[in-house]
N, C-alpha and C. Protein backbone atom coordinates (compact mmCIF):
# COMPACT_ATOMS: atom_id res chain seq x y z
N MET A 1 -42.40 44.09 -16.11
CA MET A 1 -41.42 44.58 -17.07
C MET A 1 -40.46 43.45 -17.40
N LEU A 2 -40.26 43.20 -18.67
CA LEU A 2 -39.35 42.15 -19.10
C LEU A 2 -38.05 42.80 -19.58
N ARG A 3 -36.97 42.44 -18.95
CA ARG A 3 -35.65 42.93 -19.34
C ARG A 3 -34.87 41.75 -19.88
N VAL A 4 -34.14 41.97 -20.96
CA VAL A 4 -33.31 40.93 -21.55
C VAL A 4 -31.85 41.27 -21.29
N PHE A 5 -31.15 40.35 -20.62
CA PHE A 5 -29.72 40.49 -20.40
C PHE A 5 -29.01 39.64 -21.44
N SER A 6 -28.15 40.27 -22.24
CA SER A 6 -27.45 39.51 -23.29
C SER A 6 -26.33 38.65 -22.70
N THR A 7 -25.76 39.11 -21.59
CA THR A 7 -24.76 38.30 -20.88
C THR A 7 -25.13 38.28 -19.40
N TYR A 8 -24.78 37.22 -18.75
CA TYR A 8 -25.12 37.05 -17.34
C TYR A 8 -24.06 37.68 -16.46
N ARG A 9 -24.46 38.73 -15.76
CA ARG A 9 -23.60 39.39 -14.76
C ARG A 9 -24.41 39.44 -13.46
N PRO A 10 -24.06 38.62 -12.48
CA PRO A 10 -24.86 38.52 -11.26
C PRO A 10 -25.15 39.85 -10.58
N LEU A 11 -24.17 40.74 -10.49
CA LEU A 11 -24.38 42.01 -9.82
C LEU A 11 -25.38 42.88 -10.57
N GLN A 12 -25.28 42.91 -11.89
CA GLN A 12 -26.20 43.69 -12.71
C GLN A 12 -27.64 43.17 -12.55
N VAL A 13 -27.80 41.86 -12.60
CA VAL A 13 -29.12 41.25 -12.45
C VAL A 13 -29.65 41.50 -11.04
N ALA A 14 -28.81 41.37 -10.03
CA ALA A 14 -29.23 41.57 -8.64
C ALA A 14 -29.72 43.00 -8.42
N ARG A 15 -29.03 43.97 -8.96
CA ARG A 15 -29.46 45.37 -8.81
C ARG A 15 -30.80 45.60 -9.49
N PHE A 16 -30.99 44.99 -10.66
CA PHE A 16 -32.25 45.11 -11.38
C PHE A 16 -33.40 44.53 -10.55
N VAL A 17 -33.21 43.33 -10.02
CA VAL A 17 -34.25 42.66 -9.22
C VAL A 17 -34.55 43.45 -7.95
N LYS A 18 -33.51 43.90 -7.28
CA LYS A 18 -33.70 44.62 -6.02
C LYS A 18 -34.40 45.96 -6.25
N THR A 19 -34.12 46.62 -7.35
CA THR A 19 -34.72 47.91 -7.65
C THR A 19 -36.19 47.80 -8.04
N LEU A 20 -36.52 46.86 -8.93
CA LEU A 20 -37.89 46.75 -9.42
C LEU A 20 -38.81 45.98 -8.49
N PHE A 21 -38.24 45.06 -7.72
CA PHE A 21 -38.97 44.32 -6.69
C PHE A 21 -39.87 43.21 -7.22
N LYS A 22 -40.55 43.42 -8.38
CA LYS A 22 -41.44 42.38 -8.92
C LYS A 22 -41.45 42.47 -10.44
N GLY A 23 -41.34 41.31 -11.10
CA GLY A 23 -41.37 41.29 -12.55
C GLY A 23 -40.72 40.05 -13.11
N GLU A 24 -40.12 40.21 -14.27
CA GLU A 24 -39.44 39.08 -14.92
C GLU A 24 -38.28 39.60 -15.76
N PHE A 25 -37.34 38.72 -16.00
CA PHE A 25 -36.21 39.04 -16.85
C PHE A 25 -35.77 37.78 -17.57
N THR A 26 -35.02 37.99 -18.65
CA THR A 26 -34.51 36.89 -19.45
C THR A 26 -33.01 37.03 -19.59
N ILE A 27 -32.32 35.91 -19.52
CA ILE A 27 -30.90 35.87 -19.82
C ILE A 27 -30.76 35.07 -21.11
N GLU A 28 -30.19 35.70 -22.13
CA GLU A 28 -30.05 35.03 -23.42
C GLU A 28 -29.28 33.72 -23.26
N GLY A 29 -29.82 32.68 -23.86
CA GLY A 29 -29.19 31.37 -23.81
C GLY A 29 -29.55 30.57 -22.57
N VAL A 30 -30.23 31.18 -21.61
CA VAL A 30 -30.60 30.48 -20.37
C VAL A 30 -32.11 30.38 -20.24
N GLY A 31 -32.80 31.52 -20.33
CA GLY A 31 -34.25 31.50 -20.24
C GLY A 31 -34.82 32.61 -19.40
N ILE A 32 -36.10 32.46 -19.10
CA ILE A 32 -36.84 33.49 -18.38
C ILE A 32 -36.87 33.19 -16.88
N PHE A 33 -36.78 34.25 -16.09
CA PHE A 33 -36.84 34.16 -14.64
C PHE A 33 -37.91 35.13 -14.14
N TYR A 34 -38.53 34.80 -13.03
CA TYR A 34 -39.52 35.66 -12.39
C TYR A 34 -38.99 36.05 -11.02
N PHE A 35 -39.36 37.25 -10.58
CA PHE A 35 -38.95 37.67 -9.25
C PHE A 35 -40.09 38.42 -8.57
N ASP A 36 -40.11 38.32 -7.24
CA ASP A 36 -41.12 38.97 -6.43
C ASP A 36 -40.51 39.27 -5.08
N SER A 37 -40.91 40.36 -4.48
CA SER A 37 -40.39 40.80 -3.18
C SER A 37 -38.86 40.94 -3.20
N GLY A 38 -38.31 41.32 -4.35
CA GLY A 38 -36.87 41.55 -4.46
C GLY A 38 -36.04 40.28 -4.44
N ARG A 39 -36.65 39.14 -4.76
CA ARG A 39 -35.93 37.85 -4.79
C ARG A 39 -36.33 37.09 -6.05
N VAL A 40 -35.36 36.40 -6.65
CA VAL A 40 -35.65 35.56 -7.80
C VAL A 40 -36.38 34.32 -7.30
N LEU A 41 -37.49 33.99 -7.97
CA LEU A 41 -38.30 32.85 -7.56
C LEU A 41 -37.70 31.55 -8.07
N LEU A 42 -38.02 30.48 -7.38
CA LEU A 42 -37.50 29.16 -7.70
C LEU A 42 -37.91 28.74 -9.10
N PRO A 43 -36.93 28.43 -9.98
CA PRO A 43 -37.25 27.98 -11.33
C PRO A 43 -37.54 26.47 -11.33
N ASP A 44 -37.68 25.93 -12.52
CA ASP A 44 -37.86 24.49 -12.68
C ASP A 44 -36.65 23.77 -12.07
N LEU A 45 -36.92 22.85 -11.15
CA LEU A 45 -35.82 22.17 -10.44
C LEU A 45 -34.99 21.26 -11.34
N ASP A 46 -35.51 20.90 -12.50
CA ASP A 46 -34.76 20.03 -13.42
C ASP A 46 -33.66 20.80 -14.16
N ASP A 47 -33.77 22.10 -14.21
CA ASP A 47 -32.80 22.93 -14.92
C ASP A 47 -31.74 23.42 -13.94
N LYS A 48 -30.63 22.72 -13.87
CA LYS A 48 -29.58 23.02 -12.89
C LYS A 48 -28.93 24.38 -13.13
N LYS A 49 -28.81 24.80 -14.38
CA LYS A 49 -28.20 26.10 -14.68
C LYS A 49 -29.07 27.23 -14.13
N LYS A 50 -30.38 27.15 -14.36
CA LYS A 50 -31.29 28.18 -13.84
C LYS A 50 -31.28 28.19 -12.31
N LEU A 51 -31.26 27.02 -11.72
CA LEU A 51 -31.23 26.91 -10.26
C LEU A 51 -29.96 27.56 -9.70
N SER A 52 -28.85 27.31 -10.35
CA SER A 52 -27.57 27.89 -9.93
C SER A 52 -27.59 29.42 -10.05
N ILE A 53 -28.14 29.92 -11.15
CA ILE A 53 -28.22 31.37 -11.35
C ILE A 53 -29.13 32.00 -10.30
N MET A 54 -30.28 31.36 -10.01
CA MET A 54 -31.19 31.87 -8.99
C MET A 54 -30.47 32.00 -7.65
N LYS A 55 -29.75 30.97 -7.25
CA LYS A 55 -29.03 30.99 -5.98
C LYS A 55 -27.98 32.09 -5.95
N GLU A 56 -27.23 32.23 -7.05
CA GLU A 56 -26.17 33.23 -7.10
C GLU A 56 -26.73 34.65 -7.06
N VAL A 57 -27.80 34.91 -7.80
CA VAL A 57 -28.40 36.25 -7.81
C VAL A 57 -28.99 36.58 -6.43
N ASN A 58 -29.71 35.64 -5.82
CA ASN A 58 -30.28 35.89 -4.49
C ASN A 58 -29.18 36.11 -3.45
N PHE A 59 -28.08 35.39 -3.56
CA PHE A 59 -26.94 35.58 -2.67
C PHE A 59 -26.35 36.98 -2.86
N THR A 60 -26.24 37.42 -4.11
CA THR A 60 -25.72 38.75 -4.41
C THR A 60 -26.66 39.83 -3.87
N ILE A 61 -27.98 39.61 -3.98
CA ILE A 61 -28.95 40.55 -3.42
C ILE A 61 -28.76 40.66 -1.90
N ASP A 62 -28.57 39.52 -1.25
CA ASP A 62 -28.34 39.52 0.21
C ASP A 62 -27.09 40.33 0.54
N ASN A 63 -26.03 40.16 -0.24
CA ASN A 63 -24.80 40.91 0.00
C ASN A 63 -24.99 42.40 -0.23
N LEU A 64 -25.78 42.78 -1.22
CA LEU A 64 -26.08 44.19 -1.47
C LEU A 64 -26.83 44.80 -0.28
N THR A 65 -27.76 44.02 0.26
CA THR A 65 -28.56 44.48 1.38
C THR A 65 -27.71 44.67 2.62
N VAL A 66 -26.82 43.73 2.88
CA VAL A 66 -25.95 43.79 4.06
C VAL A 66 -24.97 44.95 3.93
N SER A 67 -24.40 45.14 2.75
CA SER A 67 -23.42 46.22 2.59
C SER A 67 -24.07 47.59 2.64
N ALA A 68 -25.38 47.67 2.39
CA ALA A 68 -26.09 48.94 2.46
C ALA A 68 -26.36 49.38 3.89
N LEU A 69 -26.30 48.43 4.82
CA LEU A 69 -26.60 48.76 6.22
C LEU A 69 -25.46 49.47 6.91
């Protein structure tokens, strides 16, 4: 399932990834991301913005998981 986020909100993206578990999403102006096992997969290492977003979303997913316990 491809979801398009018009603005980047880490918590919104993290909930989407954690709920669907596997798929892809796009952030307008940034690009496409893939996720599997409830984690955003490593993007192209040359794109620092995508790398930063991946780290932030995965960190937010970890925080959601910890707060749910």
